[in-house]
Amino acid sequence: MMIVHYDSKKALKASIGAPLRYSETSMFGAEYTPNGKFAVARRPHLQGGGREFFAEVTMAEGLIVAVS
């Protein structure tokens, strides 16, 4: 699961049409793909404050097209 750099799920949804701001966390290889779906999270205990959330992001051509 990748960590995203957004304060809320609402802010992530507002970024539809933009590139994803994220950090890879997997020690087994990159999870990011410019075309496809993957799970993301905001983890306050790792990122310092804020709210925790989880989401599924759909990417196309390196841009966010859907967040659920």
C-alpha atoms as a PDB file:
ATOM      1  CA  MET A   1       0.000   0.000   0.000  1.00  0.00           C
ATOM      2  CA  MET A   2       1.390   3.360  -0.999  1.00  0.00           C
ATOM      3  CA  ILE A   3       1.306   6.457   1.181  1.00  0.00           C
ATOM      4  CA  VAL A   4      -0.240   9.534  -0.443  1.00  0.00           C
ATOM      5  CA  HIS A   5       0.535  13.140   0.381  1.00  0.00           C
ATOM      6  CA  TYR A   6      -2.966  14.602   0.705  1.00  0.00           C
ATOM      7  CA  ASP A   7      -4.607  15.873   3.903  1.00  0.00           C
ATOM      8  CA  SER A   8      -7.928  14.122   3.235  1.00  0.00           C
ATOM      9  CA  LYS A   9      -9.719  11.813   0.851  1.00  0.00           C
ATOM     10  CA  LYS A  10     -11.666  14.868  -0.314  1.00  0.00           C
ATOM     11  CA  ALA A  11      -8.387  16.573  -1.285  1.00  0.00           C
ATOM     12  CA  LEU A  12      -7.320  13.433  -3.128  1.00  0.00           C
ATOM     13  CA  LYS A  13     -10.627  13.392  -5.046  1.00  0.00           C
ATOM     14  CA  ALA A  14     -10.157  17.082  -5.867  1.00  0.00           C
ATOM     15  CA  SER A  15      -6.875  16.132  -7.567  1.00  0.00           C
ATOM     16  CA  ILE A  16      -8.581  14.088 -10.290  1.00  0.00           C
ATOM     17  CA  GLY A  17      -6.822  14.957 -13.531  1.00  0.00           C
ATOM     18  CA  ALA A  18      -3.455  15.567 -11.827  1.00  0.00           C
ATOM     19  CA  PRO A  19      -0.460  13.282 -11.174  1.00  0.00           C
ATOM     20  CA  LEU A  20      -0.498  11.357  -7.876  1.00  0.00           C
ATOM     21  CA  ARG A  21       1.693  12.617  -4.997  1.00  0.00           C
ATOM     22  CA  TYR A  22       2.855   9.457  -3.211  1.00  0.00           C
ATOM     23  CA  SER A  23       5.659   7.498  -1.526  1.00  0.00           C
ATOM     24  CA  GLU A  24       6.368   3.843  -2.210  1.00  0.00           C
ATOM     25  CA  THR A  25       6.401   1.603   0.874  1.00  0.00           C
ATOM     26  CA  SER A  26       6.765  -1.895  -0.562  1.00  0.00           C
ATOM     27  CA  MET A  27      10.081  -3.671  -0.184  1.00  0.00           C
ATOM     28  CA  PHE A  28       9.035  -6.073  -2.956  1.00  0.00           C
ATOM     29  CA  GLY A  29       9.079  -3.556  -5.811  1.00  0.00           C
ATOM     30  CA  ALA A  30       7.147  -0.562  -7.027  1.00  0.00           C
ATOM     31  CA  GLU A  31       3.363  -0.614  -6.609  1.00  0.00           C
ATOM     32  CA  TYR A  32       2.705   2.506  -8.664  1.00  0.00           C
ATOM     33  CA  THR A  33       1.506   2.027 -12.216  1.00  0.00           C
ATOM     34  CA  PRO A  34       0.567   4.870 -14.566  1.00  0.00           C
ATOM     35  CA  ASN A  35      -2.399   2.803 -15.835  1.00  0.00           C
ATOM     36  CA  GLY A  36      -4.463   0.731 -13.405  1.00  0.00           C
ATOM     37  CA  LYS A  37      -5.849   0.573  -9.870  1.00  0.00           C
ATOM     38  CA  PHE A  38      -4.154   0.313  -6.504  1.00  0.00           C
ATOM     39  CA  ALA A  39      -4.774   0.982  -2.820  1.00  0.00           C
ATOM     40  CA  VAL A  40      -3.383   4.036  -1.062  1.00  0.00           C
ATOM     41  CA  ALA A  41      -3.430   5.355   2.494  1.00  0.00           C
ATOM     42  CA  ARG A  42      -2.631   8.396   4.583  1.00  0.00           C
ATOM     43  CA  ARG A  43      -0.935   7.280   7.776  1.00  0.00           C
ATOM     44  CA  PRO A  44      -0.726  10.088  10.373  1.00  0.00           C
ATOM     45  CA  HIS A  45       1.660   8.206  12.649  1.00  0.00           C
ATOM     46  CA  LEU A  46       4.172   8.078   9.758  1.00  0.00           C
ATOM     47  CA  GLN A  47       3.417  11.453   8.188  1.00  0.00           C
ATOM     48  CA  GLY A  48       2.813  13.557  11.265  1.00  0.00           C
ATOM     49  CA  GLY A  49      -0.718  14.469  12.287  1.00  0.00           C
ATOM     50  CA  GLY A  50      -3.893  14.741  10.294  1.00  0.00           C
ATOM     51  CA  ARG A  51      -6.571  12.158   9.557  1.00  0.00           C
ATOM     52  CA  GLU A  52      -6.073   8.593   8.457  1.00  0.00           C
ATOM     53  CA  PHE A  53      -7.822   7.421   5.302  1.00  0.00           C
ATOM     54  CA  PHE A  54      -7.661   4.634   2.752  1.00  0.00           C
ATOM     55  CA  ALA A  55      -8.736   4.758  -0.891  1.00  0.00           C
ATOM     56  CA  GLU A  56      -8.547   2.961  -4.207  1.00  0.00           C
ATOM     57  CA  VAL A  57      -7.058   5.118  -6.969  1.00  0.00           C
ATOM     58  CA  THR A  58      -7.524   4.529 -10.687  1.00  0.00           C
ATOM     59  CA  MET A  59      -4.832   5.962 -12.945  1.00  0.00           C
ATOM     60  CA  ALA A  60      -4.759   6.478 -16.729  1.00  0.00           C
ATOM     61  CA  GLU A  61      -1.796   7.939 -18.611  1.00  0.00           C
ATOM     62  CA  GLY A  62      -0.183   8.909 -15.278  1.00  0.00           C
ATOM     63  CA  LEU A  63      -3.161  10.987 -14.109  1.00  0.00           C
ATOM     64  CA  ILE A  64      -5.771  10.285 -11.434  1.00  0.00           C
ATOM     65  CA  VAL A  65      -9.100   9.427 -13.078  1.00  0.00           C
ATOM     66  CA  ALA A  66     -11.088   8.040 -10.111  1.00  0.00           C
ATOM     67  CA  VAL A  67     -10.921   7.751  -6.316  1.00  0.00           C
ATOM     68  CA  SER A  68     -13.135   5.421  -4.297  1.00  0.00           C
END
